[in-house]
Amino acid sequence: MELTYHRKGDYLFPNLTVQDKPMSIGKYGMLRRTYLRENKKNWYQSMLMSGRLNQHLAQIDEQAENRMEELIESLNEKYPAPNKEAEQMAWVAHQNNLTAMAEEIVLKELVYN
């Protein structure tokens, strides 16, 4: 590996590049990135400079999505939904409440941890 340099005044600075693969990052990955940038600055910079940040964010996003599915399923078993055909609005409200409960758990466990 050959390093190239650029001159600034009397100094030579190495041209550094980060070999971080671009990945698709969803909602939870973006929330995690914001949390790390604002609250865990040293860790964020370390991950960014080592090229592991996008991989970490994609992993958190995937784990969060999987956990959401599991939680909604278990909450549906614990708190059965009303009949969808007879009470559509009550069913939608019930599902929204379960989703909000599951998302609160996921955010606490995975994103803001």
N, C-alpha and C. Protein backbone atom coordinates (compact mmCIF):
# COMPACT_ATOMS: atom_id res chain seq x y z
N MET A 1 0.84 -1.17 0.00
CA MET A 1 0.00 0.00 0.00
C MET A 1 0.89 1.23 0.00
N GLU A 2 0.67 2.09 -0.95
CA GLU A 2 1.47 3.28 -1.08
C GLU A 2 0.67 4.48 -0.60
N LEU A 3 1.26 5.24 0.31
CA LEU A 3 0.60 6.43 0.82
C LEU A 3 0.97 7.62 -0.05
N THR A 4 0.00 8.45 -0.31
CA THR A 4 0.26 9.70 -1.01
C THR A 4 0.08 10.84 -0.02
N TYR A 5 0.71 11.94 -0.31
CA TYR A 5 0.69 13.08 0.60
C TYR A 5 0.27 14.33 -0.14
N HIS A 6 -0.22 15.28 0.61
CA HIS A 6 -0.46 16.60 0.04
C HIS A 6 0.24 17.64 0.91
N ARG A 7 0.69 18.68 0.30
CA ARG A 7 1.47 19.70 0.98
C ARG A 7 0.56 20.85 1.41
N LYS A 8 0.76 21.28 2.65
CA LYS A 8 0.07 22.45 3.16
C LYS A 8 1.13 23.30 3.85
N GLY A 9 1.56 24.35 3.18
CA GLY A 9 2.65 25.16 3.71
C GLY A 9 3.94 24.35 3.67
N ASP A 10 4.58 24.22 4.83
CA ASP A 10 5.82 23.45 4.92
C ASP A 10 5.61 22.01 5.32
N TYR A 11 4.35 21.59 5.47
CA TYR A 11 4.06 20.26 6.01
C TYR A 11 3.46 19.35 4.95
N LEU A 12 3.78 18.06 5.09
CA LEU A 12 3.16 17.04 4.25
C LEU A 12 2.16 16.27 5.10
N PHE A 13 0.93 16.14 4.61
CA PHE A 13 -0.11 15.40 5.30
C PHE A 13 -0.48 14.18 4.47
N PRO A 14 -0.65 13.02 5.13
CA PRO A 14 -1.03 11.83 4.36
C PRO A 14 -2.48 11.92 3.88
N ASN A 15 -2.74 11.41 2.71
CA ASN A 15 -4.10 11.34 2.19
C ASN A 15 -4.73 10.06 2.73
N LEU A 16 -5.51 10.19 3.76
CA LEU A 16 -6.13 9.03 4.41
C LEU A 16 -7.54 8.82 3.88
N THR A 17 -7.88 7.58 3.67
CA THR A 17 -9.24 7.25 3.26
C THR A 17 -9.77 6.14 4.16
N VAL A 18 -11.04 6.16 4.38
CA VAL A 18 -11.70 5.14 5.19
C VAL A 18 -12.32 4.12 4.26
N GLN A 19 -12.05 2.86 4.50
CA GLN A 19 -12.57 1.78 3.66
C GLN A 19 -13.87 1.26 4.27
N ASP A 20 -14.90 2.08 4.30
CA ASP A 20 -16.19 1.71 4.86
C ASP A 20 -17.15 1.42 3.72
N LYS A 21 -17.69 0.22 3.70
CA LYS A 21 -18.60 -0.18 2.63
C LYS A 21 -19.94 0.53 2.82
N PRO A 22 -20.49 1.12 1.76
CA PRO A 22 -21.81 1.73 1.88
C PRO A 22 -22.87 0.63 2.07
N MET A 23 -23.75 0.84 3.03
CA MET A 23 -24.79 -0.14 3.33
C MET A 23 -26.11 0.58 3.48
N SER A 24 -27.16 -0.16 3.28
CA SER A 24 -28.50 0.39 3.48
C SER A 24 -28.79 0.43 4.98
N ILE A 25 -29.08 1.61 5.47
CA ILE A 25 -29.34 1.79 6.90
C ILE A 25 -30.75 2.35 7.04
N GLY A 26 -31.55 1.69 7.86
CA GLY A 26 -32.93 2.11 8.06
C GLY A 26 -33.10 3.05 9.24
N LYS A 27 -34.33 3.13 9.70
CA LYS A 27 -34.71 4.06 10.76
C LYS A 27 -33.88 3.88 12.03
N TYR A 28 -33.76 2.65 12.49
CA TYR A 28 -33.09 2.40 13.75
C TYR A 28 -31.58 2.61 13.63
N GLY A 29 -31.02 2.32 12.48
CA GLY A 29 -29.61 2.59 12.25
C GLY A 29 -29.31 4.08 12.26
N MET A 30 -30.20 4.86 11.67
CA MET A 30 -30.01 6.32 11.67
C MET A 30 -30.17 6.90 13.08
N LEU A 31 -31.14 6.38 13.82
CA LEU A 31 -31.30 6.83 15.21
C LEU A 31 -30.07 6.49 16.04
N ARG A 32 -29.50 5.31 15.81
CA ARG A 32 -28.29 4.89 16.52
C ARG A 32 -27.12 5.81 16.16
N ARG A 33 -26.99 6.15 14.88
CA ARG A 33 -25.91 7.04 14.46
C ARG A 33 -26.02 8.40 15.14
N THR A 34 -27.21 8.96 15.19
CA THR A 34 -27.42 10.24 15.86
C THR A 34 -27.09 10.15 17.33
N TYR A 35 -27.52 9.06 17.97
CA TYR A 35 -27.24 8.87 19.39
C TYR A 35 -25.74 8.79 19.64
N LEU A 36 -25.03 8.01 18.83
CA LEU A 36 -23.59 7.88 19.01
C LEU A 36 -22.87 9.20 18.76
N ARG A 37 -23.28 9.92 17.72
CA ARG A 37 -22.63 11.18 17.38
C ARG A 37 -22.81 12.22 18.49
N GLU A 38 -23.97 12.23 19.12
CA GLU A 38 -24.25 13.24 20.13
C GLU A 38 -23.85 12.83 21.55
N ASN A 39 -23.84 11.53 21.86
CA ASN A 39 -23.62 11.10 23.24
C ASN A 39 -22.37 10.26 23.46
N LYS A 40 -21.88 9.61 22.44
CA LYS A 40 -20.70 8.75 22.55
C LYS A 40 -19.69 9.17 21.47
N LYS A 41 -19.24 10.41 21.57
CA LYS A 41 -18.43 11.00 20.50
C LYS A 41 -17.15 10.23 20.22
N ASN A 42 -16.44 9.82 21.26
CA ASN A 42 -15.18 9.10 21.05
C ASN A 42 -15.41 7.76 20.36
N TRP A 43 -16.43 7.05 20.79
CA TRP A 43 -16.75 5.75 20.19
C TRP A 43 -17.18 5.92 18.74
N TYR A 44 -17.99 6.94 18.50
CA TYR A 44 -18.45 7.24 17.14
C TYR A 44 -17.25 7.52 16.23
N GLN A 45 -16.33 8.38 16.67
CA GLN A 45 -15.17 8.73 15.86
C GLN A 45 -14.29 7.50 15.61
N SER A 46 -14.13 6.67 16.63
CA SER A 46 -13.32 5.46 16.48
C SER A 46 -13.92 4.52 15.45
N MET A 47 -15.21 4.31 15.53
CA MET A 47 -15.90 3.44 14.57
C MET A 47 -15.83 4.03 13.16
N LEU A 48 -16.02 5.33 13.06
CA LEU A 48 -15.99 6.00 11.77
C LEU A 48 -14.62 5.91 11.12
N MET A 49 -13.58 6.16 11.90
CA MET A 49 -12.22 6.15 11.35
C MET A 49 -11.72 4.74 11.04
N SER A 50 -12.22 3.75 11.76
CA SER A 50 -11.79 2.37 11.49
C SER A 50 -12.60 1.72 10.37
N GLY A 51 -13.66 2.39 9.91
CA GLY A 51 -14.46 1.85 8.81
C GLY A 51 -15.48 0.82 9.24
N ARG A 52 -15.84 0.81 10.52
CA ARG A 52 -16.81 -0.18 11.01
C ARG A 52 -18.17 0.42 11.33
N LEU A 53 -18.33 1.71 11.16
CA LEU A 53 -19.57 2.38 11.57
C LEU A 53 -20.78 1.89 10.78
N ASN A 54 -20.70 1.89 9.46
CA ASN A 54 -21.86 1.48 8.65
C ASN A 54 -22.25 0.03 8.91
N GLN A 55 -21.26 -0.83 9.10
CA GLN A 55 -21.56 -2.23 9.41
C GLN A 55 -22.29 -2.32 10.75
N HIS A 56 -21.83 -1.57 11.74
CA HIS A 56 -22.47 -1.56 13.06
C HIS A 56 -23.90 -1.05 12.96
N LEU A 57 -24.11 0.03 12.22
CA LEU A 57 -25.45 0.61 12.08
C LEU A 57 -26.40 -0.34 11.37
N ALA A 58 -25.92 -1.01 10.33
CA ALA A 58 -26.76 -1.97 9.61
C ALA A 58 -27.11 -3.15 10.51
N GLN A 59 -26.17 -3.57 11.33
CA GLN A 59 -26.43 -4.68 12.26
C GLN A 59 -27.46 -4.28 13.30
N ILE A 60 -27.34 -3.09 13.87
CA ILE A 60 -28.31 -2.60 14.85
C ILE A 60 -29.69 -2.50 14.21
N ASP A 61 -29.75 -2.00 12.98
CA ASP A 61 -31.02 -1.85 12.29
C ASP A 61 -31.69 -3.20 12.08
N GLU A 62 -30.92 -4.19 11.66
CA GLU A 62 -31.48 -5.53 11.43
C GLU A 62 -31.96 -6.15 12.75
N GLN A 63 -31.15 -6.03 13.80
CA GLN A 63 -31.54 -6.57 15.10
C GLN A 63 -32.81 -5.90 15.61
N ALA A 64 -32.91 -4.59 15.43
CA ALA A 64 -34.08 -3.85 15.90
C ALA A 64 -35.34 -4.29 15.15
N GLU A 65 -35.23 -4.46 13.85
CA GLU A 65 -36.40 -4.90 13.07
C GLU A 65 -36.86 -6.29 13.51
N ASN A 66 -35.90 -7.20 13.70
CA ASN A 66 -36.24 -8.55 14.15
C ASN A 66 -36.88 -8.52 15.54
N ARG A 67 -36.32 -7.72 16.42
CA ARG A 67 -36.86 -7.62 17.79
C ARG A 67 -38.26 -7.03 17.77
N MET A 68 -38.51 -6.05 16.90
CA MET A 68 -39.84 -5.46 16.78
C MET A 68 -40.87 -6.53 16.39
N GLU A 69 -40.52 -7.35 15.41
CA GLU A 69 -41.44 -8.41 14.98
C GLU A 69 -41.74 -9.37 16.13
N GLU A 70 -40.70 -9.79 16.85
CA GLU A 70 -40.89 -10.71 17.97
C GLU A 70 -41.75 -10.09 19.06
N LEU A 71 -41.49 -8.83 19.39
CA LEU A 71 -42.23 -8.17 20.45
C LEU A 71 -43.70 -7.98 20.09
N ILE A 72 -43.97 -7.57 18.87
CA ILE A 72 -45.37 -7.37 18.45
C ILE A 72 -46.11 -8.69 18.49
N GLU A 73 -45.46 -9.75 18.05
CA GLU A 73 -46.09 -11.08 18.09
C GLU A 73 -46.40 -11.50 19.53
N SER A 74 -45.43 -11.33 20.43
CA SER A 74 -45.66 -11.73 21.82
C SER A 74 -46.67 -10.82 22.52
N LEU A 75 -46.67 -9.54 22.18
CA LEU A 75 -47.66 -8.63 22.76
C LEU A 75 -49.07 -8.94 22.25
N ASN A 76 -49.16 -9.37 20.99
CA ASN A 76 -50.47 -9.76 20.46
C ASN A 76 -51.02 -10.98 21.18
N GLU A 77 -50.12 -11.89 21.59
CA GLU A 77 -50.57 -13.06 22.35
C GLU A 77 -51.00 -12.65 23.75
N LYS A 78 -50.25 -11.74 24.35
CA LYS A 78 -50.54 -11.31 25.72
C LYS A 78 -51.78 -10.42 25.78
N TYR A 79 -51.92 -9.53 24.81
CA TYR A 79 -53.07 -8.62 24.74
C TYR A 79 -53.78 -8.85 23.42
N PRO A 80 -54.74 -9.77 23.38
CA PRO A 80 -55.42 -10.09 22.11
C PRO A 80 -56.16 -8.88 21.53
N ALA A 81 -56.12 -8.80 20.23
CA ALA A 81 -56.75 -7.68 19.52
C ALA A 81 -58.25 -7.92 19.39
N PRO A 82 -59.02 -6.84 19.32
CA PRO A 82 -60.46 -6.98 19.06
C PRO A 82 -60.69 -7.50 17.64
N ASN A 83 -61.88 -7.91 17.36
CA ASN A 83 -62.23 -8.44 16.05
C ASN A 83 -62.04 -7.36 15.00
N LYS A 84 -61.20 -7.67 14.02
CA LYS A 84 -60.85 -6.69 12.99
C LYS A 84 -62.04 -6.33 12.10
N GLU A 85 -62.87 -7.30 11.80
CA GLU A 85 -64.00 -7.04 10.89
C GLU A 85 -65.11 -6.26 11.58
N ALA A 86 -65.33 -6.52 12.87
CA ALA A 86 -66.42 -5.85 13.58
C ALA A 86 -66.02 -4.47 14.11
N GLU A 87 -64.79 -4.35 14.58
CA GLU A 87 -64.33 -3.10 15.18
C GLU A 87 -63.00 -2.69 14.56
N GLN A 88 -63.08 -2.16 13.36
CA GLN A 88 -61.85 -1.84 12.63
C GLN A 88 -61.02 -0.77 13.32
N MET A 89 -61.64 0.30 13.77
CA MET A 89 -60.89 1.39 14.39
C MET A 89 -60.26 0.96 15.71
N ALA A 90 -60.97 0.15 16.47
CA ALA A 90 -60.42 -0.36 17.73
C ALA A 90 -59.24 -1.28 17.45
N TRP A 91 -59.33 -2.08 16.38
CA TRP A 91 -58.23 -2.97 16.02
C TRP A 91 -56.99 -2.16 15.62
N VAL A 92 -57.19 -1.12 14.81
CA VAL A 92 -56.07 -0.26 14.39
C VAL A 92 -55.44 0.43 15.59
N ALA A 93 -56.26 0.94 16.49
CA ALA A 93 -55.74 1.60 17.69
C ALA A 93 -54.94 0.61 18.54
N HIS A 94 -55.47 -0.59 18.65
CA HIS A 94 -54.79 -1.63 19.43
C HIS A 94 -53.42 -1.95 18.82
N GLN A 95 -53.37 -2.14 17.50
CA GLN A 95 -52.11 -2.44 16.83
C GLN A 95 -51.11 -1.28 16.95
N ASN A 96 -51.60 -0.05 16.86
CA ASN A 96 -50.73 1.12 17.02
C ASN A 96 -50.14 1.17 18.43
N ASN A 97 -50.97 0.84 19.43
CA ASN A 97 -50.47 0.82 20.81
C ASN A 97 -49.40 -0.26 21.00
N LEU A 98 -49.64 -1.44 20.44
CA LEU A 98 -48.65 -2.51 20.54
C LEU A 98 -47.34 -2.13 19.84
N THR A 99 -47.45 -1.49 18.69
CA THR A 99 -46.26 -1.06 17.96
C THR A 99 -45.49 -0.02 18.77
N ALA A 100 -46.20 0.91 19.38
CA ALA A 100 -45.54 1.93 20.20
C ALA A 100 -44.84 1.30 21.41
N MET A 101 -45.49 0.31 22.04
CA MET A 101 -44.88 -0.38 23.17
C MET A 101 -43.61 -1.11 22.74
N ALA A 102 -43.70 -1.82 21.62
CA ALA A 102 -42.55 -2.58 21.12
C ALA A 102 -41.42 -1.64 20.73
N GLU A 103 -41.76 -0.53 20.09
CA GLU A 103 -40.71 0.40 19.66
C GLU A 103 -40.01 1.04 20.86
N GLU A 104 -40.74 1.33 21.90
CA GLU A 104 -40.12 1.89 23.10
C GLU A 104 -39.11 0.92 23.70
N ILE A 105 -39.46 -0.36 23.71
CA ILE A 105 -38.55 -1.39 24.24
C ILE A 105 -37.31 -1.50 23.36
N VAL A 106 -37.52 -1.53 22.04
CA VAL A 106 -36.39 -1.68 21.10
C VAL A 106 -35.45 -0.48 21.20
N LEU A 107 -36.01 0.72 21.29
CA LEU A 107 -35.17 1.91 21.39
C LEU A 107 -34.32 1.87 22.65
N LYS A 108 -34.93 1.44 23.75
CA LYS A 108 -34.19 1.38 25.01
C LYS A 108 -33.13 0.29 24.99
N GLU A 109 -33.47 -0.89 24.46
CA GLU A 109 -32.55 -2.04 24.47
C GLU A 109 -31.41 -1.90 23.47
N LEU A 110 -31.70 -1.47 22.25
CA LEU A 110 -30.71 -1.55 21.19
C LEU A 110 -30.16 -0.19 20.72
N VAL A 111 -31.02 0.78 20.57
CA VAL A 111 -30.59 2.03 19.95
C VAL A 111 -29.90 2.94 20.96
N TYR A 112 -30.54 3.18 22.09
CA TYR A 112 -30.00 4.13 23.07
C TYR A 112 -29.31 3.42 24.21
N ASN A 113 -28.50 2.45 23.91
CA ASN A 113 -27.80 1.67 24.91
C ASN A 113 -26.30 1.78 24.70
